[in-house]
Amino acid sequence: MAKEMERIRELRAEVFGGVKRAALGFYPTPLHKLERLSAELGVELYIKRDDLSGMSLFGGNKVRKLQFILGRAQAMGCTAVFTYGATQSNHAMQTATACRRLGLKPVLYLVALVKPDEADLRANLLLDRILGAEVHIVEQLPGESEEDAEERSFAMAREHMRDLEEVGMRCCEVPMGGADAAGSAAFAEGYLELCGQLAALDKQADFLFHAAGTGGTLAGLVAGRALLKAAGLPGGETDIVSINVSEKDRDAYHRKCATLSCEALAWLGRPERVEPEDIHTDARYFAPGYEKPNPAATEAIRRLARTEGLLLDPVYTGKAFAGMLDHIARGEVPKGATVVFLHTGGTTALFAEREILGPI
């Protein structure tokens, strides 16, 4: 597939060559076959290691998005970056890391779905403090939903931004998970990167599994697939299976992600489009809820660790990997298929509060 690999490389240069990006991370991230687990499962299983994107030991998929998002912020002359998440947010920690790399001030508004112990800070929240991020903990009020607490955190942060801008600072607001047009465009490029790596191995994926939260990565992946499909290249027909890690209204979520995909393509100056029916999510594996462990995810973490020496996390990748294993066991992925698992990072959650980690 040398010819296809070269055509993917040319398409990638054409679409992404002019994008302003910050100097973050190390790309391409590795792709390799999980030999022992492939033999056990009867499929050809590869893992794409976006957990190794850098810049620090605790990289992850958000670094890929932040290249484009903070590249844009730098071009606008921003000096402070505000973003959001839960207290153990991977995105918030990676944003703080990226800001320190670029000389920007990171300001985090974090909702305490699991209340942290200030005397015993753990995992990402500990890293946020070591990085010197300005951290604002937003406690969930009695009877308040997760979404309501998030909206309250947005309002608090925007008032803070207005105060800073009044004294001459230029602020950049990054949505939760980096889920905007620039962030998703970065994962459209990431999808082309993956398909180029597969083509170099004379392979193309039948299935790609990943964890889906805010939807930015999902939107980018399906946008990248749309680019390849329009060009008639390998990867244009891959079934991208997005395993939900929290409860979503399926139809509304699909519409949101399709809209974000189209916005990413338009941001890149491309005519391709994505429709809600192009999106394949599976919500069978997140219960009992976000940042709440379940036995299948716990077993998936143990299984990958004990067959391949690789670690997953209980919030995102553990649940996504459990979903993939179940798809294979049920025959929803046929024997002999070529399958890729996108490792999006987050293993710092193995050192988080017991409520998040569970009985592993």
Protein backbone atom coordinates (compact mmCIF):
# COMPACT_ATOMS: atom_id res chain seq x y z
CA MET A 1 0.00 0.00 0.00
CA ALA A 2 2.96 2.33 -0.62
CA LYS A 3 0.95 4.32 -3.16
CA GLU A 4 -1.94 4.82 -0.74
CA MET A 5 0.47 5.82 2.04
CA GLU A 6 1.96 8.51 -0.21
CA ARG A 7 -1.50 9.79 -1.20
CA ILE A 8 -2.52 10.03 2.47
CA ARG A 9 0.69 11.94 3.17
CA GLU A 10 -0.05 14.34 0.29
CA LEU A 11 -3.65 14.87 1.47
CA ARG A 12 -2.46 15.55 4.99
CA ALA A 13 0.04 18.14 3.74
CA GLU A 14 -2.63 19.77 1.56
CA VAL A 15 -5.24 20.05 4.32
CA PHE A 16 -3.12 20.72 7.40
CA GLY A 17 0.11 22.21 6.07
CA GLY A 18 -0.98 25.81 6.64
CA VAL A 19 -2.46 25.39 10.13
CA LYS A 20 -0.78 27.46 12.86
CA ARG A 21 0.14 25.14 15.70
CA ALA A 22 1.94 25.38 19.01
CA ALA A 23 5.10 23.32 19.52
CA LEU A 24 3.55 20.67 21.75
CA GLY A 25 3.92 16.89 21.93
CA PHE A 26 5.78 14.36 19.82
CA TYR A 27 4.23 13.04 16.62
CA PRO A 28 3.47 10.63 15.11
CA THR A 29 2.50 8.74 18.23
CA PRO A 30 3.37 5.02 18.15
CA LEU A 31 1.17 2.34 16.63
CA HIS A 32 1.85 -1.31 17.34
CA LYS A 33 0.16 -4.69 17.38
CA LEU A 34 -0.92 -6.33 20.62
CA GLU A 35 0.39 -9.75 19.70
CA ARG A 36 -0.68 -11.79 22.74
CA LEU A 37 -4.14 -10.29 22.98
CA SER A 38 -4.65 -10.62 19.22
CA ALA A 39 -3.98 -14.35 19.50
CA GLU A 40 -6.43 -14.66 22.41
CA LEU A 41 -9.22 -12.71 20.69
CA GLY A 42 -8.84 -13.95 17.12
CA VAL A 43 -8.50 -10.46 15.64
CA GLU A 44 -5.56 -8.31 14.57
CA LEU A 45 -5.54 -5.76 17.38
CA TYR A 46 -3.41 -2.62 17.19
CA ILE A 47 -3.07 0.18 19.73
CA LYS A 48 -2.50 3.83 18.82
CA ARG A 49 -0.56 5.38 21.70
CA ASP A 50 -1.83 8.95 22.01
CA ASP A 51 -1.16 8.52 25.72
CA LEU A 52 2.51 8.98 24.70
CA SER A 53 1.99 12.31 22.97
CA GLY A 54 4.04 14.19 25.61
CA MET A 55 5.14 16.82 26.53
CA SER A 56 5.45 15.42 30.01
CA LEU A 57 5.22 11.82 31.17
CA PHE A 58 1.49 12.48 31.58
CA GLY A 59 0.55 13.21 27.96
CA GLY A 60 -2.65 12.25 26.22
CA ASN A 61 -5.02 13.01 23.39
CA LYS A 62 -5.73 16.58 24.51
CA VAL A 63 -2.15 17.60 23.67
CA ARG A 64 -2.90 16.90 20.01
CA LYS A 65 -5.89 19.27 20.18
CA LEU A 66 -3.99 21.91 22.13
CA GLN A 67 -1.44 22.22 19.33
CA PHE A 68 -4.12 23.86 17.18
CA ILE A 69 -6.11 25.57 19.96
CA LEU A 70 -3.13 27.23 21.63
CA GLY A 71 -1.46 27.93 18.31
CA ARG A 72 -4.52 30.03 17.55
CA ALA A 73 -4.37 31.62 21.02
CA GLN A 74 -0.72 32.57 20.52
CA ALA A 75 -1.53 34.14 17.14
CA MET A 76 -4.23 36.23 18.89
CA GLY A 77 -1.75 37.44 21.53
CA CYS A 78 -3.45 35.70 24.47
CA THR A 79 -1.61 35.58 27.79
CA ALA A 80 -4.08 33.59 29.95
CA VAL A 81 -5.93 30.36 29.16
CA PHE A 82 -9.14 29.34 30.95
CA THR A 83 -10.60 25.87 30.75
CA TYR A 84 -12.93 23.48 32.56
CA GLY A 85 -13.48 19.91 33.70
CA ALA A 86 -13.91 17.72 36.73
CA THR A 87 -11.28 17.89 39.49
CA GLN A 88 -9.42 14.94 37.92
CA SER A 89 -9.76 16.25 34.37
CA ASN A 90 -7.06 14.98 32.00
CA HIS A 91 -7.81 17.88 29.67
CA ALA A 92 -7.36 20.49 32.40
CA MET A 93 -4.01 19.01 33.48
CA GLN A 94 -2.75 18.78 29.90
CA THR A 95 -3.86 22.37 29.28
CA ALA A 96 -1.90 23.52 32.33
CA THR A 97 1.15 21.60 31.09
CA ALA A 98 0.86 23.10 27.61
CA CYS A 99 0.46 26.61 29.01
CA ARG A 100 3.65 26.26 31.04
CA ARG A 101 5.47 25.06 27.94
CA LEU A 102 4.29 28.16 26.05
CA GLY A 103 4.61 30.78 28.80
CA LEU A 104 0.85 31.24 29.22
CA LYS A 105 -1.09 31.51 32.49
CA PRO A 106 -3.38 28.47 33.09
CA VAL A 107 -6.64 29.06 34.97
CA LEU A 108 -8.80 26.00 35.73
CA TYR A 109 -12.41 25.87 36.91
CA LEU A 110 -13.00 22.30 38.10
CA VAL A 111 -16.28 20.77 39.28
CA ALA A 112 -15.90 18.49 42.30
CA LEU A 113 -17.94 15.43 41.27
CA VAL A 114 -15.70 13.59 43.76
CA LYS A 115 -14.71 16.03 46.49
CA PRO A 116 -10.91 16.23 46.80
CA ASP A 117 -9.06 16.19 50.11
CA GLU A 118 -6.88 19.31 50.16
CA ALA A 119 -4.60 17.59 52.67
CA ASP A 120 -4.10 14.59 50.33
CA LEU A 121 -4.21 15.82 46.73
CA ARG A 122 -3.94 13.07 44.13
CA ALA A 123 -3.34 12.40 40.44
CA ASN A 124 -4.23 15.21 38.01
CA LEU A 125 -5.27 17.69 40.70
CA LEU A 126 -1.88 17.22 42.36
CA LEU A 127 -0.18 17.79 38.99
CA ASP A 128 -2.26 20.95 38.45
CA ARG A 129 -0.93 22.34 41.72
CA ILE A 130 2.68 21.34 40.98
CA LEU A 131 2.34 23.12 37.62
CA GLY A 132 1.19 26.24 39.46
CA ALA A 133 -2.14 26.50 37.69
CA GLU A 134 -4.70 28.82 39.23
CA VAL A 135 -7.29 26.26 40.34
CA HIS A 136 -10.87 27.09 41.30
CA ILE A 137 -12.83 24.16 42.78
CA VAL A 138 -16.57 24.42 42.08
CA GLU A 139 -18.51 22.25 44.51
CA GLN A 140 -21.71 20.62 43.31
CA LEU A 141 -24.61 22.10 45.27
CA PRO A 142 -27.31 19.87 46.85
CA GLY A 143 -29.78 18.83 44.17
CA GLU A 144 -27.65 20.34 41.40
CA SER A 145 -26.97 18.26 38.28
CA GLU A 146 -23.50 17.82 36.83
CA GLU A 147 -24.52 19.95 33.85
CA ASP A 148 -25.84 22.74 36.11
CA ALA A 149 -22.58 22.78 38.08
CA GLU A 150 -20.63 22.98 34.83
CA GLU A 151 -22.74 25.90 33.61
CA ARG A 152 -22.13 27.69 36.90
CA SER A 153 -18.38 27.14 36.49
CA PHE A 154 -18.54 28.66 32.99
CA ALA A 155 -20.30 31.75 34.33
CA MET A 156 -17.76 32.16 37.13
CA ALA A 157 -14.83 31.83 34.73
CA ARG A 158 -16.27 34.31 32.22
CA GLU A 159 -16.72 36.91 34.93
CA HIS A 160 -13.10 36.29 35.92
CA MET A 161 -11.99 36.71 32.28
CA ARG A 162 -13.84 40.02 32.03
CA ASP A 163 -12.02 41.26 35.13
CA LEU A 164 -8.63 40.32 33.68
CA GLU A 165 -9.39 41.83 30.28
CA GLU A 166 -10.32 45.11 31.97
CA VAL A 167 -6.74 45.34 33.27
CA GLY A 168 -5.21 44.55 29.87
CA MET A 169 -4.85 40.76 29.79
CA ARG A 170 -5.97 38.84 26.69
CA CYS A 171 -7.77 35.62 27.64
CA CYS A 172 -8.41 32.44 25.68
CA GLU A 173 -11.35 30.23 26.69
CA VAL A 174 -10.90 26.54 25.87
CA PRO A 175 -14.08 24.41 26.09
CA MET A 176 -14.21 21.21 28.11
CA GLY A 177 -12.18 18.50 26.42
CA GLY A 178 -10.88 20.92 23.80
CA ALA A 179 -14.13 20.25 21.92
CA ASP A 180 -14.12 23.06 19.38
CA ALA A 181 -13.46 23.33 15.65
CA ALA A 182 -9.69 23.71 16.01
CA GLY A 183 -9.38 20.87 18.54
CA SER A 184 -11.45 18.51 16.42
CA ALA A 185 -9.51 19.49 13.30
CA ALA A 186 -6.38 18.30 15.09
CA PHE A 187 -7.94 14.85 15.46
CA ALA A 188 -8.93 14.82 11.81
CA GLU A 189 -5.19 15.10 11.18
CA GLY A 190 -4.59 12.43 13.82
CA TYR A 191 -6.89 10.07 11.92
CA LEU A 192 -4.89 10.61 8.72
CA GLU A 193 -1.71 10.01 10.73
CA LEU A 194 -3.10 6.68 11.93
CA CYS A 195 -4.25 5.58 8.48
CA GLY A 196 -0.87 6.46 7.03
CA GLN A 197 0.82 4.30 9.67
CA LEU A 198 -1.52 1.41 8.89
CA ALA A 199 -0.87 1.79 5.16
CA ALA A 200 2.86 1.54 5.86
CA LEU A 201 2.10 -1.86 7.42
CA ASP A 202 -0.04 -2.81 4.39
CA LYS A 203 -3.14 -2.67 6.63
CA GLN A 204 -6.35 -0.73 6.97
CA ALA A 205 -8.64 -0.78 9.99
CA ASP A 206 -12.04 -2.43 9.88
CA PHE A 207 -12.85 -0.95 13.29
CA LEU A 208 -11.49 1.87 15.45
CA PHE A 209 -12.57 1.98 19.11
CA HIS A 210 -12.11 4.92 21.46
CA ALA A 211 -13.60 6.57 24.56
CA ALA A 212 -16.06 9.40 23.88
CA GLY A 213 -16.73 12.17 26.40
CA THR A 214 -17.27 15.75 25.30
CA GLY A 215 -17.20 14.62 21.66
CA GLY A 216 -14.26 16.61 20.31
CA THR A 217 -12.09 13.59 19.55
CA LEU A 218 -15.06 11.73 18.06
CA ALA A 219 -15.89 14.70 15.82
CA GLY A 220 -12.31 14.92 14.63
CA LEU A 221 -12.01 11.23 13.84
CA VAL A 222 -15.16 11.15 11.72
CA ALA A 223 -14.07 14.38 9.99
CA GLY A 224 -10.77 12.69 9.12
CA ARG A 225 -12.66 9.66 7.82
CA ALA A 226 -14.78 11.98 5.64
CA LEU A 227 -11.60 13.44 4.13
CA LEU A 228 -10.27 9.99 3.26
CA LYS A 229 -13.62 8.75 1.97
CA ALA A 230 -13.94 11.73 -0.38
CA ALA A 231 -10.43 10.99 -1.68
CA GLY A 232 -11.15 7.26 -2.08
CA LEU A 233 -8.35 6.33 0.33
CA PRO A 234 -7.98 3.57 2.97
CA GLY A 235 -9.69 4.51 6.23
CA GLY A 236 -12.67 6.09 4.52
CA GLU A 237 -14.88 3.09 5.34
CA THR A 238 -13.58 2.22 8.83
CA ASP A 239 -16.30 1.74 11.47
CA ILE A 240 -15.39 4.23 14.21
CA VAL A 241 -17.02 2.94 17.42
CA SER A 242 -17.19 5.63 20.11
CA ILE A 243 -17.78 4.19 23.60
CA ASN A 244 -19.62 6.70 25.79
CA VAL A 245 -18.12 7.33 29.24
CA SER A 246 -21.11 9.30 30.53
CA GLU A 247 -24.84 9.49 29.96
CA LYS A 248 -25.90 11.31 26.79
CA ASP A 249 -29.09 11.95 24.87
CA ARG A 250 -28.05 9.88 21.86
CA ASP A 251 -29.75 11.87 19.11
CA ALA A 252 -28.73 15.24 20.52
CA TYR A 253 -25.15 14.03 21.04
CA HIS A 254 -24.92 12.73 17.48
CA ARG A 255 -26.22 16.04 16.15
CA LYS A 256 -23.74 17.96 18.29
CA CYS A 257 -20.78 15.83 17.17
CA ALA A 258 -21.79 15.97 13.49
CA THR A 259 -22.07 19.77 13.73
CA LEU A 260 -18.64 19.95 15.36
CA SER A 261 -17.20 17.73 12.61
CA CYS A 262 -18.59 20.07 9.97
CA GLU A 263 -17.23 23.09 11.83
CA ALA A 264 -13.78 21.46 11.95
CA LEU A 265 -13.90 20.73 8.22
CA ALA A 266 -15.05 24.29 7.49
CA TRP A 267 -12.25 25.65 9.73
CA LEU A 268 -9.85 23.74 7.47
CA GLY A 269 -11.52 25.18 4.36
CA ARG A 270 -12.89 21.80 3.28
CA PRO A 271 -16.28 21.07 1.60
CA GLU A 272 -16.82 17.58 3.10
CA ARG A 273 -19.68 17.10 5.53
CA VAL A 274 -20.61 14.70 8.32
CA GLU A 275 -24.19 13.76 9.18
CA PRO A 276 -25.54 12.45 12.52
CA GLU A 277 -26.09 9.02 10.96
CA ASP A 278 -22.34 8.82 10.24
CA ILE A 279 -21.68 8.57 13.99
CA HIS A 280 -21.64 5.25 15.88
CA THR A 281 -21.74 5.49 19.66
CA ASP A 282 -22.36 2.79 22.25
CA ALA A 283 -23.64 3.71 25.72
CA ARG A 284 -23.71 0.19 27.21
CA TYR A 285 -20.46 0.47 29.15
CA PHE A 286 -20.32 3.69 31.23
CA ALA A 287 -22.70 2.75 34.09
CA PRO A 288 -23.05 3.63 36.91
CA GLY A 289 -21.77 7.00 35.67
CA TYR A 290 -18.89 9.31 34.85
CA GLU A 291 -15.89 8.88 37.17
CA LYS A 292 -17.66 5.84 38.66
CA PRO A 293 -15.91 2.49 38.14
CA ASN A 294 -17.57 -0.70 36.96
CA PRO A 295 -16.48 -4.37 37.03
CA ALA A 296 -16.07 -4.72 33.26
CA ALA A 297 -13.69 -1.76 33.09
CA THR A 298 -11.76 -3.03 36.09
CA GLU A 299 -11.35 -6.43 34.41
CA ALA A 300 -10.33 -4.80 31.10
CA ILE A 301 -7.61 -2.81 32.89
CA ARG A 302 -6.31 -5.99 34.52
CA ARG A 303 -6.49 -7.99 31.29
CA LEU A 304 -4.46 -5.56 29.19
CA ALA A 305 -1.95 -5.09 32.00
CA ARG A 306 -1.48 -8.85 32.43
CA THR A 307 -1.31 -9.75 28.73
CA GLU A 308 0.60 -6.79 27.27
CA GLY A 309 2.03 -4.84 30.22
CA LEU A 310 0.00 -1.73 29.27
CA LEU A 311 -2.16 0.37 31.56
CA LEU A 312 -5.61 1.88 31.07
CA ASP A 313 -7.66 4.12 33.35
CA PRO A 314 -11.04 3.55 35.05
CA VAL A 315 -12.79 6.68 33.68
CA TYR A 316 -12.15 6.58 29.93
CA THR A 317 -9.93 3.96 28.35
CA GLY A 318 -10.86 1.12 30.73
CA LYS A 319 -14.54 1.47 29.82
CA ALA A 320 -13.78 1.87 26.10
CA PHE A 321 -11.51 -1.19 26.10
CA ALA A 322 -14.18 -3.18 27.95
CA GLY A 323 -16.67 -2.14 25.28
CA MET A 324 -14.33 -3.25 22.51
CA LEU A 325 -13.75 -6.64 24.18
CA ASP A 326 -17.51 -7.12 24.46
CA HIS A 327 -18.05 -6.23 20.80
CA ILE A 328 -15.49 -8.89 19.88
CA ALA A 329 -16.97 -11.47 22.27
CA ARG A 330 -20.48 -10.89 20.89
CA GLY A 331 -19.30 -11.29 17.30
CA GLU A 332 -20.11 -7.65 16.49
CA VAL A 333 -16.47 -7.56 15.39
CA PRO A 334 -15.85 -10.66 13.25
CA LYS A 335 -12.88 -12.97 13.69
CA GLY A 336 -9.88 -11.93 11.64
CA ALA A 337 -10.88 -8.25 11.57
CA THR A 338 -8.25 -5.53 11.86
CA VAL A 339 -9.07 -3.48 14.94
CA VAL A 340 -7.40 -0.36 16.36
CA PHE A 341 -7.82 0.88 19.91
CA LEU A 342 -7.04 4.58 20.38
CA HIS A 343 -5.36 4.98 23.77
CA THR A 344 -6.24 8.53 24.74
CA GLY A 345 -4.32 8.59 28.05
CA GLY A 346 -5.63 9.29 31.53
CA THR A 347 -3.76 6.62 33.50
CA THR A 348 -3.12 9.17 36.25
CA ALA A 349 -6.63 8.18 37.39
CA LEU A 350 -5.06 4.96 38.70
CA PHE A 351 -3.71 7.21 41.47
CA ALA A 352 -6.92 9.18 42.06
CA GLU A 353 -9.47 8.93 44.87
CA ARG A 354 -10.85 5.51 45.76
CA GLU A 355 -14.32 6.51 44.51
CA ILE A 356 -12.86 6.90 41.00
CA LEU A 357 -10.48 3.94 41.05
CA GLY A 358 -12.78 1.32 42.56
CA PRO A 359 -11.65 -2.11 43.87
CA ILE A 360 -8.94 -2.78 41.29
